[in-house]
Amino acid sequence: MVDADGADALVNYQVVGRYYVVDRLFQRAVLVSGTGKERQEITIARMGA
């Protein structure tokens, strides 16, 4: 996830079926796969209420 300061922060999670279930709520999170030129990111952002 991305904390209030914009820094990356790790969160605990579990895989339930085909879903990732995180242990806390967040405003923005980034799923990262790979490193260097192979790095891919997907951003998840909470929209209004």
C-alpha atoms as a PDB file:
ATOM      1  CA  MET A   1       0.000   0.000   0.000  1.00  0.00           C
ATOM      2  CA  VAL A   2       0.986   3.653  -0.168  1.00  0.00           C
ATOM      3  CA  ASP A   3       0.931   5.470   3.183  1.00  0.00           C
ATOM      4  CA  ALA A   4      -0.171   9.063   3.869  1.00  0.00           C
ATOM      5  CA  ASP A   5       3.361  10.344   3.130  1.00  0.00           C
ATOM      6  CA  GLY A   6       3.411   8.655  -0.288  1.00  0.00           C
ATOM      7  CA  ALA A   7       5.910   5.994   0.796  1.00  0.00           C
ATOM      8  CA  ASP A   8       5.455   2.322  -0.008  1.00  0.00           C
ATOM      9  CA  ALA A   9       4.414   0.156   2.949  1.00  0.00           C
ATOM     10  CA  LEU A  10       4.007  -3.614   3.119  1.00  0.00           C
ATOM     11  CA  VAL A  11       0.746  -5.089   4.380  1.00  0.00           C
ATOM     12  CA  ASN A  12      -0.211  -8.572   5.481  1.00  0.00           C
ATOM     13  CA  TYR A  13      -2.557 -10.410   3.152  1.00  0.00           C
ATOM     14  CA  GLN A  14      -3.974 -13.823   2.407  1.00  0.00           C
ATOM     15  CA  VAL A  15      -5.181 -15.415  -0.793  1.00  0.00           C
ATOM     16  CA  VAL A  16      -8.783 -16.593  -0.640  1.00  0.00           C
ATOM     17  CA  GLY A  17      -9.728 -18.345  -3.861  1.00  0.00           C
ATOM     18  CA  ARG A  18      -8.798 -15.855  -6.567  1.00  0.00           C
ATOM     19  CA  TYR A  19      -8.808 -12.800  -4.274  1.00  0.00           C
ATOM     20  CA  TYR A  20      -6.100 -11.095  -2.227  1.00  0.00           C
ATOM     21  CA  VAL A  21      -7.514 -10.073   1.171  1.00  0.00           C
ATOM     22  CA  VAL A  22      -5.476  -7.419   3.008  1.00  0.00           C
ATOM     23  CA  ASP A  23      -5.558  -6.904   6.771  1.00  0.00           C
ATOM     24  CA  ARG A  24      -6.382  -3.188   6.629  1.00  0.00           C
ATOM     25  CA  LEU A  25      -8.191  -0.522   4.651  1.00  0.00           C
ATOM     26  CA  PHE A  26      -6.213   1.784   2.375  1.00  0.00           C
ATOM     27  CA  GLN A  27      -6.748   4.765   0.102  1.00  0.00           C
ATOM     28  CA  ARG A  28      -4.196   3.621  -2.476  1.00  0.00           C
ATOM     29  CA  ALA A  29      -2.230   0.435  -3.067  1.00  0.00           C
ATOM     30  CA  VAL A  30       0.172  -0.737  -5.748  1.00  0.00           C
ATOM     31  CA  LEU A  31       0.641  -4.367  -6.788  1.00  0.00           C
ATOM     32  CA  VAL A  32       4.202  -4.875  -8.054  1.00  0.00           C
ATOM     33  CA  SER A  33       5.568  -7.786 -10.055  1.00  0.00           C
ATOM     34  CA  GLY A  34       9.179  -8.113 -11.196  1.00  0.00           C
ATOM     35  CA  THR A  35      12.171  -5.778 -10.971  1.00  0.00           C
ATOM     36  CA  GLY A  36      14.103  -3.423 -13.233  1.00  0.00           C
ATOM     37  CA  LYS A  37      12.856  -3.338 -16.833  1.00  0.00           C
ATOM     38  CA  GLU A  38      10.549  -6.274 -16.084  1.00  0.00           C
ATOM     39  CA  ARG A  39       8.749  -4.402 -13.256  1.00  0.00           C
ATOM     40  CA  GLN A  40       5.008  -4.036 -13.712  1.00  0.00           C
ATOM     41  CA  GLU A  41       2.664  -2.090 -11.433  1.00  0.00           C
ATOM     42  CA  ILE A  42      -1.107  -1.986 -10.984  1.00  0.00           C
ATOM     43  CA  THR A  43      -2.557   0.790  -8.836  1.00  0.00           C
ATOM     44  CA  ILE A  44      -5.735   0.311  -6.795  1.00  0.00           C
ATOM     45  CA  ALA A  45      -7.376   3.512  -5.561  1.00  0.00           C
ATOM     46  CA  ARG A  46     -10.423   3.982  -3.375  1.00  0.00           C
ATOM     47  CA  MET A  47     -13.020   6.197  -5.022  1.00  0.00           C
ATOM     48  CA  GLY A  48     -15.510   8.376  -3.054  1.00  0.00           C
ATOM     49  CA  ALA A  49     -18.049   6.950  -0.626  1.00  0.00           C
END
